[in-house]
Amino acid sequence: MSYHLLHERRWRVAIALTAVVAAVYFGFILLVAYRKPFMGSLVAPGLSVGILLGALVIVAAWATTWYYVWWANRHFDAEITRLRGENAK
């Protein structure tokens, strides 16, 4: 794989994960704006759907960040190391 193909692959992964985070975030904002009674309904005493989903937005952001780091360490960094070794010869 060339540097150019690797760069394209990294951008595809980054854009896909950015789209996931944006969809989760804007989905939450749209629920807050248009489904107030639903967001205010209680799941447990003192815990509304809105608070629960807000916490899940944060968890989703952390999870997508973790996935990108895992992917980069496993695929991207290994391929960069291999390409650098080939170019050093």
N, C-alpha and C. Protein backbone atom coordinates (compact mmCIF):
# COMPACT_ATOMS: atom_id res chain seq x y z
N MET A 1 0.86 -1.18 0.00
CA MET A 1 0.00 0.00 0.00
C MET A 1 0.90 1.24 0.00
N SER A 2 0.54 2.23 -0.78
CA SER A 2 1.34 3.45 -0.87
C SER A 2 0.89 4.45 0.20
N TYR A 3 1.72 5.47 0.38
CA TYR A 3 1.35 6.53 1.32
C TYR A 3 0.02 7.18 0.93
N HIS A 4 -0.17 7.37 -0.36
CA HIS A 4 -1.40 8.01 -0.84
C HIS A 4 -2.64 7.18 -0.49
N LEU A 5 -2.58 5.89 -0.74
CA LEU A 5 -3.72 5.02 -0.40
C LEU A 5 -3.96 4.96 1.10
N LEU A 6 -2.87 4.93 1.85
CA LEU A 6 -2.98 4.90 3.31
C LEU A 6 -3.61 6.20 3.83
N HIS A 7 -3.21 7.30 3.24
CA HIS A 7 -3.78 8.60 3.61
C HIS A 7 -5.28 8.64 3.32
N GLU A 8 -5.67 8.15 2.16
CA GLU A 8 -7.10 8.10 1.81
C GLU A 8 -7.88 7.22 2.77
N ARG A 9 -7.30 6.08 3.12
CA ARG A 9 -7.98 5.16 4.04
C ARG A 9 -8.16 5.79 5.41
N ARG A 10 -7.13 6.48 5.90
CA ARG A 10 -7.22 7.15 7.20
C ARG A 10 -8.30 8.21 7.18
N TRP A 11 -8.39 8.98 6.09
CA TRP A 11 -9.42 10.01 6.00
C TRP A 11 -10.81 9.42 5.92
N ARG A 12 -10.97 8.30 5.24
CA ARG A 12 -12.29 7.65 5.17
C ARG A 12 -12.74 7.23 6.57
N VAL A 13 -11.83 6.65 7.33
CA VAL A 13 -12.17 6.24 8.71
C VAL A 13 -12.49 7.47 9.55
N ALA A 14 -11.68 8.50 9.46
CA ALA A 14 -11.89 9.72 10.25
C ALA A 14 -13.22 10.39 9.90
N ILE A 15 -13.54 10.48 8.62
CA ILE A 15 -14.80 11.11 8.20
C ILE A 15 -15.99 10.28 8.65
N ALA A 16 -15.89 8.96 8.54
CA ALA A 16 -16.99 8.10 8.98
C ALA A 16 -17.25 8.25 10.47
N LEU A 17 -16.19 8.26 11.27
CA LEU A 17 -16.36 8.40 12.72
C LEU A 17 -16.86 9.80 13.08
N THR A 18 -16.41 10.81 12.35
CA THR A 18 -16.92 12.16 12.58
C THR A 18 -18.41 12.23 12.27
N ALA A 19 -18.83 11.58 11.22
CA ALA A 19 -20.26 11.55 10.87
C ALA A 19 -21.07 10.85 11.95
N VAL A 20 -20.53 9.78 12.51
CA VAL A 20 -21.23 9.06 13.59
C VAL A 20 -21.41 9.98 14.79
N VAL A 21 -20.34 10.66 15.20
CA VAL A 21 -20.42 11.55 16.37
C VAL A 21 -21.38 12.70 16.09
N ALA A 22 -21.33 13.27 14.89
CA ALA A 22 -22.23 14.38 14.54
C ALA A 22 -23.68 13.91 14.55
N ALA A 23 -23.94 12.72 14.02
CA ALA A 23 -25.32 12.20 14.00
C ALA A 23 -25.84 11.97 15.41
N VAL A 24 -25.00 11.42 16.27
CA VAL A 24 -25.41 11.19 17.67
C VAL A 24 -25.69 12.53 18.36
N TYR A 25 -24.78 13.47 18.20
CA TYR A 25 -24.93 14.76 18.87
C TYR A 25 -26.16 15.52 18.35
N PHE A 26 -26.29 15.65 17.03
CA PHE A 26 -27.42 16.41 16.49
C PHE A 26 -28.73 15.67 16.69
N GLY A 27 -28.69 14.35 16.72
CA GLY A 27 -29.89 13.59 17.05
C GLY A 27 -30.36 13.91 18.46
N PHE A 28 -29.41 14.00 19.39
CA PHE A 28 -29.74 14.36 20.77
C PHE A 28 -30.33 15.77 20.83
N ILE A 29 -29.70 16.71 20.13
CA ILE A 29 -30.19 18.09 20.13
C ILE A 29 -31.60 18.17 19.53
N LEU A 30 -31.83 17.42 18.46
CA LEU A 30 -33.18 17.42 17.87
C LEU A 30 -34.21 16.82 18.81
N LEU A 31 -33.84 15.79 19.55
CA LEU A 31 -34.76 15.24 20.55
C LEU A 31 -35.07 16.27 21.63
N VAL A 32 -34.05 16.98 22.08
CA VAL A 32 -34.26 18.02 23.09
C VAL A 32 -35.20 19.10 22.55
N ALA A 33 -35.03 19.46 21.28
CA ALA A 33 -35.83 20.54 20.70
C ALA A 33 -37.27 20.13 20.40
N TYR A 34 -37.47 18.89 19.94
CA TYR A 34 -38.79 18.51 19.42
C TYR A 34 -39.52 17.43 20.21
N ARG A 35 -38.88 16.82 21.15
CA ARG A 35 -39.52 15.76 21.95
C ARG A 35 -39.30 16.00 23.46
N LYS A 36 -39.63 17.21 23.88
CA LYS A 36 -39.41 17.57 25.29
C LYS A 36 -40.13 16.63 26.27
N PRO A 37 -41.40 16.29 26.03
CA PRO A 37 -42.05 15.40 27.00
C PRO A 37 -41.35 14.04 27.10
N PHE A 38 -40.92 13.51 25.96
CA PHE A 38 -40.19 12.23 25.98
C PHE A 38 -38.88 12.37 26.74
N MET A 39 -38.14 13.43 26.48
CA MET A 39 -36.85 13.61 27.14
C MET A 39 -37.00 13.85 28.64
N GLY A 40 -38.15 14.38 29.03
CA GLY A 40 -38.39 14.64 30.45
C GLY A 40 -38.97 13.46 31.20
N SER A 41 -39.36 12.41 30.48
CA SER A 41 -39.94 11.26 31.18
C SER A 41 -38.88 10.54 32.00
N LEU A 42 -39.32 10.00 33.11
CA LEU A 42 -38.38 9.37 34.05
C LEU A 42 -38.13 7.91 33.72
N VAL A 43 -36.87 7.53 33.76
CA VAL A 43 -36.46 6.15 33.60
C VAL A 43 -36.43 5.50 34.98
N ALA A 44 -35.92 6.25 35.93
CA ALA A 44 -35.85 5.85 37.34
C ALA A 44 -36.03 7.14 38.15
N PRO A 45 -36.33 7.03 39.42
CA PRO A 45 -36.48 8.25 40.21
C PRO A 45 -35.22 9.11 40.14
N GLY A 46 -35.39 10.35 39.68
CA GLY A 46 -34.26 11.27 39.56
C GLY A 46 -33.45 11.13 38.28
N LEU A 47 -33.84 10.23 37.37
CA LEU A 47 -33.10 10.03 36.12
C LEU A 47 -34.07 10.10 34.94
N SER A 48 -33.95 11.16 34.17
CA SER A 48 -34.82 11.32 33.00
C SER A 48 -34.14 10.72 31.76
N VAL A 49 -34.94 10.54 30.73
CA VAL A 49 -34.42 10.04 29.46
C VAL A 49 -33.38 11.02 28.92
N GLY A 50 -33.62 12.30 29.06
CA GLY A 50 -32.68 13.33 28.57
C GLY A 50 -31.32 13.23 29.22
N ILE A 51 -31.30 13.06 30.54
CA ILE A 51 -30.03 12.93 31.24
C ILE A 51 -29.32 11.66 30.81
N LEU A 52 -30.05 10.57 30.70
CA LEU A 52 -29.46 9.30 30.28
C LEU A 52 -28.89 9.40 28.87
N LEU A 53 -29.66 9.97 27.94
CA LEU A 53 -29.16 10.10 26.57
C LEU A 53 -28.00 11.08 26.49
N GLY A 54 -28.01 12.13 27.29
CA GLY A 54 -26.88 13.06 27.33
C GLY A 54 -25.60 12.37 27.76
N ALA A 55 -25.71 11.51 28.76
CA ALA A 55 -24.54 10.74 29.19
C ALA A 55 -24.09 9.78 28.10
N LEU A 56 -25.04 9.20 27.39
CA LEU A 56 -24.69 8.28 26.29
C LEU A 56 -24.03 9.00 25.12
N VAL A 57 -24.36 10.27 24.91
CA VAL A 57 -23.66 11.06 23.88
C VAL A 57 -22.18 11.17 24.24
N ILE A 58 -21.90 11.42 25.50
CA ILE A 58 -20.51 11.51 25.95
C ILE A 58 -19.82 10.16 25.80
N VAL A 59 -20.50 9.10 26.18
CA VAL A 59 -19.93 7.75 26.05
C VAL A 59 -19.67 7.42 24.58
N ALA A 60 -20.58 7.82 23.69
CA ALA A 60 -20.40 7.56 22.26
C ALA A 60 -19.18 8.31 21.73
N ALA A 61 -18.96 9.53 22.18
CA ALA A 61 -17.78 10.29 21.75
C ALA A 61 -16.50 9.59 22.21
N TRP A 62 -16.49 9.13 23.45
CA TRP A 62 -15.32 8.39 23.96
C TRP A 62 -15.13 7.09 23.19
N ALA A 63 -16.21 6.40 22.90
CA ALA A 63 -16.11 5.11 22.19
C ALA A 63 -15.58 5.28 20.77
N THR A 64 -16.02 6.32 20.07
CA THR A 64 -15.51 6.52 18.72
C THR A 64 -14.05 6.95 18.75
N THR A 65 -13.67 7.73 19.74
CA THR A 65 -12.26 8.10 19.90
C THR A 65 -11.42 6.86 20.18
N TRP A 66 -11.90 6.02 21.09
CA TRP A 66 -11.18 4.78 21.39
C TRP A 66 -11.05 3.92 20.14
N TYR A 67 -12.11 3.80 19.36
CA TYR A 67 -12.06 2.99 18.15
C TYR A 67 -11.03 3.53 17.17
N TYR A 68 -10.99 4.86 17.01
CA TYR A 68 -10.01 5.43 16.08
C TYR A 68 -8.59 5.16 16.55
N VAL A 69 -8.33 5.33 17.83
CA VAL A 69 -6.99 5.06 18.36
C VAL A 69 -6.64 3.59 18.17
N TRP A 70 -7.58 2.70 18.46
CA TRP A 70 -7.34 1.26 18.26
C TRP A 70 -7.04 0.97 16.80
N TRP A 71 -7.86 1.52 15.90
CA TRP A 71 -7.66 1.30 14.47
C TRP A 71 -6.30 1.84 14.01
N ALA A 72 -5.98 3.06 14.44
CA ALA A 72 -4.72 3.67 14.02
C ALA A 72 -3.53 2.87 14.54
N ASN A 73 -3.57 2.43 15.77
CA ASN A 73 -2.47 1.65 16.33
C ASN A 73 -2.33 0.31 15.63
N ARG A 74 -3.43 -0.30 15.29
CA ARG A 74 -3.39 -1.64 14.70
C ARG A 74 -3.09 -1.63 13.21
N HIS A 75 -3.65 -0.70 12.47
CA HIS A 75 -3.54 -0.71 11.02
C HIS A 75 -2.63 0.40 10.48
N PHE A 76 -2.95 1.62 10.84
CA PHE A 76 -2.26 2.77 10.26
C PHE A 76 -0.78 2.80 10.65
N ASP A 77 -0.50 2.72 11.96
CA ASP A 77 0.88 2.81 12.42
C ASP A 77 1.73 1.65 11.91
N ALA A 78 1.15 0.47 11.88
CA ALA A 78 1.90 -0.69 11.38
C ALA A 78 2.24 -0.51 9.91
N GLU A 79 1.33 0.00 9.14
CA GLU A 79 1.57 0.21 7.71
C GLU A 79 2.59 1.33 7.49
N ILE A 80 2.53 2.39 8.27
CA ILE A 80 3.52 3.47 8.17
C ILE A 80 4.92 2.93 8.47
N THR A 81 5.03 2.12 9.51
CA THR A 81 6.32 1.53 9.86
C THR A 81 6.84 0.66 8.72
N ARG A 82 5.96 -0.12 8.12
CA ARG A 82 6.37 -0.97 7.01
C ARG A 82 6.82 -0.13 5.82
N LEU A 83 6.07 0.92 5.49
CA LEU A 83 6.43 1.77 4.36
C LEU A 83 7.75 2.50 4.60
N ARG A 84 7.97 2.95 5.81
CA ARG A 84 9.25 3.61 6.12
C ARG A 84 10.41 2.65 5.98
N GLY A 85 10.18 1.39 6.39
CA GLY A 85 11.24 0.38 6.23
C GLY A 85 11.55 0.11 4.77
N GLU A 86 10.54 0.09 3.92
CA GLU A 86 10.74 -0.14 2.49
C GLU A 86 11.49 1.03 1.85
N ASN A 87 11.16 2.25 2.26
CA ASN A 87 11.80 3.44 1.68
C ASN A 87 13.22 3.64 2.18
N ALA A 88 13.57 3.05 3.31
CA ALA A 88 14.92 3.18 3.84
C ALA A 88 15.91 2.32 3.07
N LYS A 89 15.42 1.31 2.38
CA LYS A 89 16.31 0.38 1.64
C LYS A 89 16.80 0.94 0.35
